N, C-alpha and C. Protein backbone atom coordinates (compact mmCIF):
# COMPACT_ATOMS: atom_id res chain seq x y z
N UNK A 1 76.13 247.10 90.96
CA UNK A 1 74.80 246.79 91.82
C UNK A 1 74.17 245.82 90.96
N UNK A 2 74.20 245.72 89.66
CA UNK A 2 73.47 245.01 88.62
C UNK A 2 74.12 243.75 88.75
N UNK A 3 75.67 243.64 88.80
CA UNK A 3 76.27 242.41 88.93
C UNK A 3 75.97 241.60 90.14
N UNK A 4 75.76 242.17 91.17
CA UNK A 4 75.29 241.69 92.49
C UNK A 4 73.85 241.05 92.29
N UNK A 5 72.85 241.79 91.87
CA UNK A 5 71.72 241.35 91.57
C UNK A 5 71.56 239.99 90.45
N UNK A 6 72.39 239.98 89.63
CA UNK A 6 72.77 239.01 88.45
C UNK A 6 73.14 237.83 89.16
N UNK A 7 74.22 237.98 90.13
CA UNK A 7 74.73 236.79 90.69
C UNK A 7 73.88 236.17 91.59
N UNK A 8 73.09 237.21 92.40
CA UNK A 8 71.96 236.56 93.43
C UNK A 8 70.92 235.56 92.63
N UNK A 9 70.42 236.24 91.32
CA UNK A 9 69.61 235.28 90.78
C UNK A 9 70.17 234.17 90.08
N UNK A 10 71.39 234.27 89.47
CA UNK A 10 72.07 233.17 89.12
C UNK A 10 72.37 232.12 90.19
N UNK A 11 72.68 232.37 91.63
CA UNK A 11 72.93 231.48 92.60
C UNK A 11 71.41 230.95 93.02
N UNK A 12 70.36 231.67 92.90
CA UNK A 12 68.93 231.19 93.32
C UNK A 12 68.52 230.20 92.32
N UNK A 13 68.79 230.37 91.20
CA UNK A 13 68.34 229.67 90.02
C UNK A 13 69.49 228.22 90.13
N UNK A 14 70.57 228.23 90.43
CA UNK A 14 71.47 227.10 90.41
C UNK A 14 70.99 226.40 91.90
N UNK A 15 70.74 226.99 92.68
CA UNK A 15 70.03 226.53 94.09
C UNK A 15 68.92 225.53 93.82
N UNK A 16 68.07 226.25 93.05
CA UNK A 16 66.63 225.83 92.74
C UNK A 16 67.02 224.50 91.88
N UNK A 17 67.55 224.60 90.73
CA UNK A 17 67.91 223.60 89.77
C UNK A 17 68.51 222.34 90.75
N UNK A 18 69.36 222.55 91.60
CA UNK A 18 69.98 221.32 92.57
C UNK A 18 68.91 220.67 93.38
N UNK A 19 68.11 221.71 94.04
CA UNK A 19 67.05 221.03 94.75
C UNK A 19 66.15 220.02 94.00
N UNK A 20 65.86 220.61 92.83
CA UNK A 20 64.75 220.14 91.84
C UNK A 20 65.55 218.47 91.47
N UNK A 21 66.72 218.60 91.30
CA UNK A 21 67.40 217.21 91.00
C UNK A 21 67.33 216.39 91.98
N UNK A 22 67.83 216.92 93.25
CA UNK A 22 67.77 216.07 94.25
C UNK A 22 66.53 215.43 94.78
N UNK A 23 65.36 216.37 94.74
CA UNK A 23 64.19 215.88 95.00
C UNK A 23 63.40 214.91 93.90
N UNK A 24 64.22 214.90 92.55
CA UNK A 24 63.81 214.01 91.66
C UNK A 24 64.37 212.60 91.70
N UNK A 25 65.82 212.81 92.25
CA UNK A 25 66.61 211.36 92.37
C UNK A 25 65.97 210.68 93.75
N UNK A 26 65.43 211.55 94.64
CA UNK A 26 64.95 210.65 96.11
C UNK A 26 63.53 210.05 95.41
N UNK A 27 62.69 211.00 94.60
CA UNK A 27 61.27 210.42 94.09
C UNK A 27 61.75 209.31 93.23
N UNK A 28 62.72 209.16 92.33
CA UNK A 28 62.99 208.37 91.59
C UNK A 28 63.29 206.86 92.21
N UNK A 29 64.07 207.11 93.35
CA UNK A 29 64.78 206.00 93.96
C UNK A 29 63.70 205.26 94.79
N UNK A 30 62.64 206.29 95.35
CA UNK A 30 61.64 205.74 96.14
C UNK A 30 60.70 205.01 95.10
N UNK A 31 60.19 205.42 93.97
CA UNK A 31 59.31 204.90 93.11
C UNK A 31 59.90 203.43 92.57
N UNK A 32 61.18 203.37 92.10
CA UNK A 32 61.83 202.41 91.37
C UNK A 32 62.49 201.57 92.26
N UNK A 33 63.00 201.93 93.65
CA UNK A 33 63.75 201.19 94.43
C UNK A 33 62.72 200.40 95.45
N UNK A 34 61.66 200.97 95.99
CA UNK A 34 60.60 200.23 97.18
C UNK A 34 59.60 199.68 96.26
N UNK A 35 58.85 200.05 95.38
CA UNK A 35 57.77 199.45 94.84
C UNK A 35 57.65 197.95 94.69
N UNK A 36 58.75 197.68 93.70
CA UNK A 36 58.80 196.28 93.30
C UNK A 36 59.01 195.55 94.55
N UNK A 37 59.74 195.81 95.54
CA UNK A 37 60.01 194.98 96.94
C UNK A 37 58.62 194.92 97.64
N UNK A 38 57.92 195.95 97.53
CA UNK A 38 56.57 195.80 98.32
C UNK A 38 55.70 194.97 97.63
N UNK A 39 55.78 194.99 96.20
CA UNK A 39 54.92 194.10 95.36
C UNK A 39 55.31 192.67 95.49
N UNK A 40 56.33 192.56 95.70
CA UNK A 40 56.94 190.87 95.88
C UNK A 40 56.58 190.52 96.95
N UNK A 41 56.63 191.38 98.36
CA UNK A 41 56.26 190.80 99.52
C UNK A 41 55.01 190.61 99.69
N UNK A 42 53.84 191.43 98.71
CA UNK A 42 52.55 191.14 98.83
C UNK A 42 52.13 189.71 98.20
N UNK A 43 52.94 189.67 97.14
CA UNK A 43 52.57 188.36 96.13
C UNK A 43 53.02 187.32 97.08
N UNK A 44 54.03 187.48 97.46
CA UNK A 44 54.60 186.10 98.34
C UNK A 44 53.78 185.68 99.52
N UNK A 45 53.17 186.78 100.19
CA UNK A 45 52.06 186.59 101.22
C UNK A 45 50.76 185.90 100.62
N UNK A 46 50.28 186.60 99.65
CA UNK A 46 48.91 185.99 99.01
C UNK A 46 49.38 184.56 98.62
N UNK A 47 50.31 184.21 97.96
CA UNK A 47 50.64 182.74 97.59
C UNK A 47 50.47 181.91 98.78
N UNK A 48 51.42 182.33 99.90
CA UNK A 48 51.35 181.54 101.14
C UNK A 48 50.07 181.45 101.67
N UNK A 49 49.14 182.45 101.84
CA UNK A 49 47.87 182.25 102.26
C UNK A 49 47.10 181.33 101.58
N UNK A 50 47.17 181.32 100.13
CA UNK A 50 46.38 180.44 99.35
C UNK A 50 46.91 178.88 99.69
N UNK A 51 48.08 178.64 99.85
CA UNK A 51 48.67 177.38 99.96
C UNK A 51 48.38 176.88 101.43
N UNK A 52 48.38 177.95 102.28
CA UNK A 52 47.88 177.66 103.77
C UNK A 52 46.43 177.11 103.61
N UNK A 53 45.50 177.72 103.12
CA UNK A 53 44.23 177.54 103.08
C UNK A 53 43.74 176.31 102.29
N UNK A 54 44.64 175.97 101.45
CA UNK A 54 44.18 174.68 100.41
C UNK A 54 44.73 173.73 101.51
N UNK A 55 45.90 174.03 101.97
CA UNK A 55 46.09 172.51 103.07
C UNK A 55 45.13 172.35 104.17
N UNK A 56 44.76 173.53 104.58
CA UNK A 56 43.95 173.20 105.96
C UNK A 56 42.35 172.94 105.30
N UNK A 57 41.96 173.15 104.24
CA UNK A 57 40.87 172.50 103.63
C UNK A 57 41.04 171.11 103.15
N UNK A 58 42.18 170.70 102.71
CA UNK A 58 42.55 169.22 102.61
C UNK A 58 42.63 168.51 103.87
N UNK A 59 42.99 169.04 104.86
CA UNK A 59 43.23 168.29 106.07
C UNK A 59 41.82 168.47 106.91
N UNK A 60 40.86 169.34 106.65
CA UNK A 60 39.65 169.25 107.20
C UNK A 60 38.98 168.01 106.64
N UNK A 61 38.84 168.06 105.31
CA UNK A 61 38.24 167.18 104.44
C UNK A 61 38.26 165.72 105.16
N UNK A 62 39.62 165.57 105.24
CA UNK A 62 40.24 164.11 105.62
C UNK A 62 39.69 163.92 106.91
N UNK A 63 39.93 164.78 107.99
CA UNK A 63 39.61 164.34 109.12
C UNK A 63 37.93 164.31 109.32
N UNK A 64 37.21 165.08 108.81
CA UNK A 64 35.70 165.04 108.87
C UNK A 64 35.13 163.76 108.06
N UNK A 65 35.66 163.60 106.91
CA UNK A 65 34.95 162.69 106.17
C UNK A 65 35.97 161.67 105.79
N UNK A 66 36.68 160.81 106.56
CA UNK A 66 37.29 159.82 106.04
C UNK A 66 37.17 158.73 105.00
N UNK A 67 35.79 158.46 105.25
CA UNK A 67 35.33 157.34 104.19
C UNK A 67 34.26 157.89 103.36
N UNK A 68 34.09 159.54 103.13
CA UNK A 68 33.19 159.76 102.22
C UNK A 68 33.45 159.62 100.66
N UNK A 69 32.58 159.10 100.14
CA UNK A 69 32.36 158.77 98.52
C UNK A 69 32.25 159.87 97.85
N UNK A 70 32.65 160.07 96.40
CA UNK A 70 32.25 161.14 95.63
C UNK A 70 30.66 161.10 95.47
N UNK A 71 30.09 162.44 95.42
CA UNK A 71 28.81 162.63 95.18
C UNK A 71 28.38 162.42 94.00
N UNK A 72 27.53 161.62 93.52
CA UNK A 72 27.21 161.65 91.97
C UNK A 72 26.70 162.92 91.49
N UNK A 73 27.10 163.24 90.27
CA UNK A 73 26.52 164.78 89.55
C UNK A 73 25.24 164.71 89.34
N UNK A 74 24.40 163.56 89.12
CA UNK A 74 23.20 163.76 88.82
C UNK A 74 22.48 162.63 89.86
N UNK A 75 21.53 163.41 91.00
CA UNK A 75 20.90 162.44 91.61
C UNK A 75 19.49 161.74 91.11
N UNK A 76 19.05 160.59 91.96
CA UNK A 76 17.83 160.17 91.13
C UNK A 76 16.72 161.11 91.07
N UNK A 77 15.93 161.14 89.90
CA UNK A 77 14.94 162.02 90.08
C UNK A 77 13.84 161.76 91.15
N UNK A 78 13.20 162.86 91.63
CA UNK A 78 12.41 162.69 92.86
C UNK A 78 11.17 161.61 92.15
N UNK A 79 10.63 160.74 92.83
CA UNK A 79 9.51 159.88 92.15
C UNK A 79 8.19 160.32 92.70
N UNK A 80 8.24 161.57 93.51
CA UNK A 80 6.87 162.28 93.72
C UNK A 80 6.63 163.16 92.40
N UNK A 81 7.75 163.71 91.36
CA UNK A 81 7.60 164.48 90.70
C UNK A 81 7.90 163.93 89.20
N UNK A 82 8.59 162.75 89.40
CA UNK A 82 9.04 162.26 87.69
C UNK A 82 8.58 160.77 87.76
N UNK A 83 7.96 160.04 86.66
CA UNK A 83 7.83 158.64 86.34
C UNK A 83 8.97 158.28 85.51
N UNK A 84 9.10 157.12 85.11
CA UNK A 84 10.29 156.62 84.03
C UNK A 84 9.63 155.33 83.42
N UNK A 85 10.18 155.19 82.05
CA UNK A 85 9.77 154.24 81.30
C UNK A 85 11.29 153.73 80.79
N UNK A 86 11.50 152.30 80.88
CA UNK A 86 12.69 151.67 80.38
C UNK A 86 12.46 151.43 78.94
N UNK A 87 13.66 151.80 78.23
CA UNK A 87 13.51 151.69 76.77
C UNK A 87 14.78 150.62 76.53
N UNK A 88 14.26 149.24 76.63
CA UNK A 88 15.53 148.09 76.89
C UNK A 88 16.03 148.09 75.44
N UNK A 89 15.45 148.46 74.03
CA UNK A 89 16.05 148.14 73.00
C UNK A 89 17.27 149.19 72.62
N UNK A 90 17.33 150.31 73.61
CA UNK A 90 18.26 151.59 73.35
C UNK A 90 19.19 151.31 74.53
N UNK A 91 18.77 150.58 75.62
CA UNK A 91 19.50 150.67 77.04
C UNK A 91 19.39 151.90 77.61
N UNK A 92 18.11 152.69 77.66
CA UNK A 92 17.99 154.02 78.38
C UNK A 92 16.79 153.85 79.17
N UNK A 93 16.86 154.81 80.20
CA UNK A 93 15.52 154.95 80.94
C UNK A 93 15.05 156.69 80.78
N UNK A 94 14.07 156.68 80.32
CA UNK A 94 13.39 157.93 79.95
C UNK A 94 12.64 158.42 81.15
N UNK A 95 12.79 159.74 81.68
CA UNK A 95 11.89 160.44 82.74
C UNK A 95 11.13 161.43 82.10
N UNK A 96 9.91 161.57 82.59
CA UNK A 96 9.08 162.54 82.42
C UNK A 96 8.07 162.88 83.86
N UNK A 97 7.49 164.29 83.81
CA UNK A 97 7.07 164.39 85.12
C UNK A 97 5.53 163.54 85.15
N UNK A 98 5.09 163.58 86.30
CA UNK A 98 3.92 162.98 86.38
C UNK A 98 2.70 163.52 85.93
N UNK A 99 2.69 164.59 85.31
CA UNK A 99 1.84 165.46 84.71
C UNK A 99 1.32 164.97 83.43
N UNK A 100 2.03 164.16 82.76
CA UNK A 100 1.72 163.54 81.57
C UNK A 100 0.85 162.36 81.67
N UNK A 101 -0.30 162.63 80.99
CA UNK A 101 -1.24 161.28 80.87
C UNK A 101 -0.70 160.11 80.10
N UNK A 102 -1.55 158.97 79.93
CA UNK A 102 -1.11 157.78 79.34
C UNK A 102 -0.59 158.35 77.93
N UNK A 103 0.48 157.29 77.42
CA UNK A 103 1.07 157.64 75.91
C UNK A 103 1.52 156.03 75.57
N UNK A 104 2.00 156.22 74.50
CA UNK A 104 2.69 155.07 73.84
C UNK A 104 3.99 155.51 72.99
N UNK A 105 4.70 154.44 72.79
CA UNK A 105 5.98 154.57 72.41
C UNK A 105 6.21 153.54 70.94
N UNK A 106 7.14 154.03 70.06
CA UNK A 106 7.38 153.00 69.10
C UNK A 106 8.94 153.43 68.96
N UNK A 107 9.86 152.31 68.72
CA UNK A 107 11.48 152.77 68.29
C UNK A 107 11.33 152.48 66.99
N UNK A 108 12.18 153.35 65.97
CA UNK A 108 12.18 153.15 64.48
C UNK A 108 13.64 153.57 64.31
N UNK A 109 13.95 153.42 63.08
CA UNK A 109 15.21 153.86 62.44
C UNK A 109 15.21 154.14 61.40
N UNK A 110 16.08 155.34 61.06
CA UNK A 110 16.17 156.06 59.83
C UNK A 110 16.77 155.31 58.79
N UNK A 111 16.93 155.74 57.40
CA UNK A 111 17.48 154.93 56.42
C UNK A 111 19.08 155.11 56.79
N UNK A 112 19.41 156.17 57.23
CA UNK A 112 20.81 156.26 57.55
C UNK A 112 21.58 155.44 58.86
N UNK A 113 20.36 154.64 59.65
CA UNK A 113 20.46 153.85 60.70
C UNK A 113 20.66 154.68 62.01
N UNK A 114 20.24 155.87 62.09
CA UNK A 114 19.85 156.53 63.38
C UNK A 114 18.50 155.83 63.92
N UNK A 115 18.55 155.47 65.20
CA UNK A 115 17.56 155.03 66.11
C UNK A 115 16.83 156.31 66.88
N UNK A 116 15.56 156.13 66.82
CA UNK A 116 14.75 157.10 67.58
C UNK A 116 13.65 156.65 68.09
N UNK A 117 12.76 157.26 69.11
CA UNK A 117 11.82 156.93 70.05
C UNK A 117 10.71 158.01 69.70
N UNK A 118 9.49 157.53 69.05
CA UNK A 118 8.34 158.38 68.84
C UNK A 118 7.47 158.29 70.08
N UNK A 119 7.07 159.18 70.79
CA UNK A 119 6.34 159.42 71.97
C UNK A 119 4.72 159.57 71.33
N UNK A 120 3.76 159.01 71.65
CA UNK A 120 2.55 159.39 70.87
C UNK A 120 1.23 159.27 71.88
N UNK A 121 0.06 159.84 71.55
CA UNK A 121 -1.12 159.68 72.34
C UNK A 121 -2.15 159.83 71.46
N UNK A 122 -3.22 158.73 71.69
CA UNK A 122 -4.06 158.74 70.54
C UNK A 122 -5.19 160.27 70.85
N UNK A 123 -5.03 160.74 71.84
CA UNK A 123 -5.83 162.11 72.13
C UNK A 123 -5.34 163.41 71.42
N UNK A 124 -4.20 162.85 70.99
CA UNK A 124 -3.43 164.15 70.01
C UNK A 124 -3.64 163.80 68.52
N UNK A 125 -4.00 162.72 67.80
CA UNK A 125 -4.52 162.42 66.61
C UNK A 125 -5.24 163.57 65.93
N UNK A 126 -5.20 164.15 65.17
CA UNK A 126 -6.08 165.03 64.52
C UNK A 126 -6.16 164.62 63.03
N UNK A 127 -6.93 165.67 62.48
CA UNK A 127 -7.41 165.15 61.08
C UNK A 127 -6.70 166.23 59.94
N UNK A 128 -5.82 167.23 60.76
CA UNK A 128 -5.40 168.29 59.70
C UNK A 128 -4.11 167.51 58.96
N UNK A 129 -3.43 166.28 59.33
CA UNK A 129 -2.19 165.96 58.69
C UNK A 129 -2.55 164.40 58.32
N UNK A 130 -2.17 164.08 56.99
CA UNK A 130 -2.32 162.80 56.79
C UNK A 130 -1.50 161.76 57.52
N UNK A 131 -1.94 160.57 57.72
CA UNK A 131 -1.36 159.64 58.87
C UNK A 131 -0.88 160.29 60.02
N UNK A 132 -1.33 161.14 60.64
CA UNK A 132 -1.05 161.61 62.12
C UNK A 132 -1.35 160.45 63.12
N UNK A 133 -0.10 160.30 63.78
CA UNK A 133 -0.20 159.46 64.72
C UNK A 133 -0.41 159.99 66.24
N UNK A 134 -0.44 161.42 66.49
CA UNK A 134 -0.33 161.89 67.68
C UNK A 134 0.94 161.95 68.39
N UNK A 135 1.96 161.87 67.43
CA UNK A 135 3.53 162.09 68.21
C UNK A 135 3.46 163.72 68.80
N UNK A 136 4.11 163.67 69.91
CA UNK A 136 4.26 164.77 70.51
C UNK A 136 5.87 165.06 71.00
N UNK A 137 6.54 163.99 70.93
CA UNK A 137 8.02 164.31 71.15
C UNK A 137 8.82 163.11 70.67
N UNK A 138 10.02 163.24 70.31
CA UNK A 138 10.90 162.21 69.71
C UNK A 138 12.12 162.41 70.45
N UNK A 139 12.74 161.23 70.80
CA UNK A 139 14.11 161.03 71.30
C UNK A 139 15.01 160.36 70.47
N UNK A 140 16.01 161.15 69.72
CA UNK A 140 17.02 160.72 68.71
C UNK A 140 18.35 160.38 69.47
N UNK A 141 18.82 159.06 69.24
CA UNK A 141 20.19 158.68 69.48
C UNK A 141 21.03 158.79 68.50
N UNK A 142 22.04 159.54 69.07
CA UNK A 142 23.35 160.36 68.28
C UNK A 142 22.57 160.84 66.79
N UNK A 143 22.11 161.94 67.10
CA UNK A 143 21.48 162.65 65.94
C UNK A 143 22.63 163.33 64.70
N UNK A 144 22.12 162.97 63.65
CA UNK A 144 23.16 163.74 62.79
C UNK A 144 23.03 165.20 62.77
N UNK A 145 23.85 165.77 61.82
CA UNK A 145 23.85 167.04 61.81
C UNK A 145 22.57 167.77 61.57
N UNK A 146 21.89 167.17 60.63
CA UNK A 146 20.65 167.96 59.90
C UNK A 146 19.36 167.66 61.04
N UNK A 147 19.76 166.61 61.68
CA UNK A 147 18.63 166.28 62.67
C UNK A 147 18.81 167.00 63.83
N UNK A 148 19.89 167.47 64.09
CA UNK A 148 20.38 168.31 65.12
C UNK A 148 19.68 169.57 65.11
N UNK A 149 19.47 169.95 64.02
CA UNK A 149 18.64 171.45 63.65
C UNK A 149 17.45 171.46 64.45
N UNK A 150 16.40 170.17 64.71
CA UNK A 150 15.35 170.16 64.85
C UNK A 150 15.11 169.85 66.56
N UNK A 151 16.25 169.82 67.44
CA UNK A 151 16.38 169.49 68.71
C UNK A 151 16.16 170.88 69.46
N UNK A 152 15.66 170.74 70.64
CA UNK A 152 15.44 171.58 71.82
C UNK A 152 16.35 171.29 72.90
N UNK A 153 16.96 170.23 72.89
CA UNK A 153 17.67 169.75 74.11
C UNK A 153 18.64 168.69 73.93
N UNK A 154 19.66 168.48 74.53
CA UNK A 154 20.61 167.11 74.03
C UNK A 154 21.07 166.97 75.51
N UNK A 155 21.42 165.69 75.46
CA UNK A 155 22.12 165.17 76.87
C UNK A 155 23.15 164.09 76.62
N UNK A 156 24.15 163.75 77.33
CA UNK A 156 24.95 162.86 76.99
C UNK A 156 24.52 161.65 78.08
N UNK A 157 24.73 160.28 77.45
CA UNK A 157 24.57 159.08 78.33
C UNK A 157 25.66 158.22 78.05
N UNK A 158 26.33 158.00 78.81
CA UNK A 158 27.69 157.05 78.39
C UNK A 158 28.51 157.63 77.28
N UNK A 159 28.50 157.14 76.18
CA UNK A 159 29.19 157.55 75.22
C UNK A 159 28.50 158.04 73.80
N UNK A 160 27.31 158.03 74.24
CA UNK A 160 26.30 158.64 73.15
C UNK A 160 25.63 159.84 73.59
N UNK A 161 25.10 160.43 72.52
CA UNK A 161 24.27 161.69 72.63
C UNK A 161 22.70 161.47 72.11
N UNK A 162 22.00 162.11 73.11
CA UNK A 162 20.75 161.81 72.96
C UNK A 162 19.89 163.11 72.52
N UNK A 163 19.10 163.54 71.55
CA UNK A 163 18.45 164.91 71.45
C UNK A 163 16.84 164.74 71.61
N UNK A 164 16.28 165.70 72.02
CA UNK A 164 14.81 165.69 72.26
C UNK A 164 14.20 166.70 71.21
N UNK A 165 13.39 166.28 70.45
CA UNK A 165 12.63 167.00 69.45
C UNK A 165 11.30 167.02 69.82
N UNK A 166 10.62 167.97 69.72
CA UNK A 166 9.17 168.19 70.03
C UNK A 166 8.28 168.76 68.84
N UNK A 167 7.27 167.70 68.63
CA UNK A 167 6.28 168.27 67.25
C UNK A 167 5.64 169.40 67.41
N UNK A 168 5.44 169.72 66.27
CA UNK A 168 4.67 171.38 66.11
C UNK A 168 3.22 171.12 66.39
N UNK A 169 2.84 172.30 66.35
CA UNK A 169 1.15 172.33 66.77
C UNK A 169 0.28 172.18 65.57
N UNK A 170 0.82 171.99 64.54
CA UNK A 170 0.24 172.04 63.43
C UNK A 170 -0.94 171.03 63.35
N UNK A 171 -0.51 169.74 63.73
CA UNK A 171 -1.28 168.54 63.36
C UNK A 171 -2.55 168.29 64.60
N UNK A 172 -2.30 168.79 65.79
CA UNK A 172 -2.89 168.28 66.90
C UNK A 172 -4.45 169.03 67.27
N UNK A 173 -5.14 168.37 67.35
CA UNK A 173 -6.63 169.03 67.83
C UNK A 173 -6.67 169.79 69.25
N UNK A 174 -5.49 169.34 70.01
CA UNK A 174 -5.52 169.83 71.26
C UNK A 174 -4.26 170.48 71.69
N UNK A 175 -3.96 171.60 71.54
CA UNK A 175 -2.72 172.25 71.88
C UNK A 175 -2.28 172.10 73.21
N UNK A 176 -3.29 172.64 74.06
CA UNK A 176 -3.13 172.29 75.45
C UNK A 176 -2.66 171.03 75.96
N UNK A 177 -3.27 169.87 75.42
CA UNK A 177 -2.88 168.78 75.88
C UNK A 177 -1.46 168.36 75.57
N UNK A 178 -1.09 168.84 74.01
CA UNK A 178 0.24 168.71 73.43
C UNK A 178 1.11 169.53 74.36
N UNK A 179 0.86 170.48 74.87
CA UNK A 179 1.76 171.33 75.80
C UNK A 179 2.09 170.61 77.06
N UNK A 180 1.16 169.87 77.48
CA UNK A 180 1.37 169.23 78.77
C UNK A 180 2.34 167.82 78.52
N UNK A 181 1.90 167.20 77.58
CA UNK A 181 3.06 166.04 77.33
C UNK A 181 4.49 166.58 76.93
N UNK A 182 4.66 167.66 76.21
CA UNK A 182 5.66 168.32 75.94
C UNK A 182 6.60 168.68 76.87
N UNK A 183 5.80 169.52 77.78
CA UNK A 183 6.57 170.02 78.99
C UNK A 183 6.94 168.94 80.09
N UNK A 184 6.29 167.83 80.12
CA UNK A 184 6.47 166.79 80.74
C UNK A 184 7.69 165.93 80.71
N UNK A 185 7.88 165.96 79.21
CA UNK A 185 8.99 165.06 78.78
C UNK A 185 10.44 166.07 78.67
N UNK A 186 10.12 167.24 78.41
CA UNK A 186 11.47 168.29 78.46
C UNK A 186 11.68 168.42 79.63
N UNK A 187 11.10 168.54 80.85
CA UNK A 187 11.64 168.56 82.21
C UNK A 187 12.18 167.30 82.58
N UNK A 188 11.80 166.18 82.03
CA UNK A 188 12.79 165.10 82.46
C UNK A 188 13.79 164.54 81.64
N UNK A 189 13.90 165.05 80.48
CA UNK A 189 14.93 164.80 79.53
C UNK A 189 16.44 164.88 80.02
N UNK A 190 16.75 165.86 81.06
CA UNK A 190 18.27 165.94 81.36
C UNK A 190 18.40 164.63 82.25
N UNK A 191 17.36 163.88 82.85
CA UNK A 191 17.71 162.87 83.66
C UNK A 191 17.80 161.59 83.05
N UNK A 192 17.68 161.63 81.64
CA UNK A 192 17.76 160.42 80.82
C UNK A 192 19.20 159.81 81.41
N UNK A 193 19.07 158.32 81.50
CA UNK A 193 20.38 157.67 82.00
C UNK A 193 20.33 156.35 81.66
N UNK A 194 21.43 155.39 81.51
CA UNK A 194 21.87 154.21 81.21
C UNK A 194 20.71 153.42 81.81
N UNK A 195 20.17 152.06 81.46
CA UNK A 195 19.37 151.06 81.72
C UNK A 195 20.34 150.22 82.66
N UNK A 196 20.12 150.13 83.72
CA UNK A 196 21.12 149.24 84.46
C UNK A 196 20.52 148.05 84.45
N UNK A 197 21.49 146.68 84.21
CA UNK A 197 20.85 145.20 83.99
C UNK A 197 20.63 144.56 85.64
């Protein structure tokens, strides 16, 4: 009786082990056999779709705009918002918003040879600082490393870099007017461009 029971249990265990083995082989075959094929098919389809889309876009562009010219990166600043001044000595055009009242400028050169433009207004001249000229902003051509630390913005014009430096409020008797000038020049600074002949 015990032998029959033992044989039955052994047979059941062997059958169970064989079934587990077969199921494991089938699962491994499905996992390792089919998944890469599916992935390859998906990737191929995606690549074809991208290539087809790119071709279609190129063809549409050619058909719809056969004589289209490249759009300039920077358009001309709106004259309703911006005014400009030609700085012929440096070959640039400086833009500022129309909110800026009248001002003067002078072109100077540092001992190291760096050219810069001081923009100033008599209305900003105060009594707190010696020899105050009412400078509210400075544009520096190819600023040095130490000069770059004082800049609030930079822009490229041709092969030159220009930096904008704004004066502190220390000397001025009219901080609100100083802010008006500085905002006007800061807003127009990115439109700096070469002076055309």
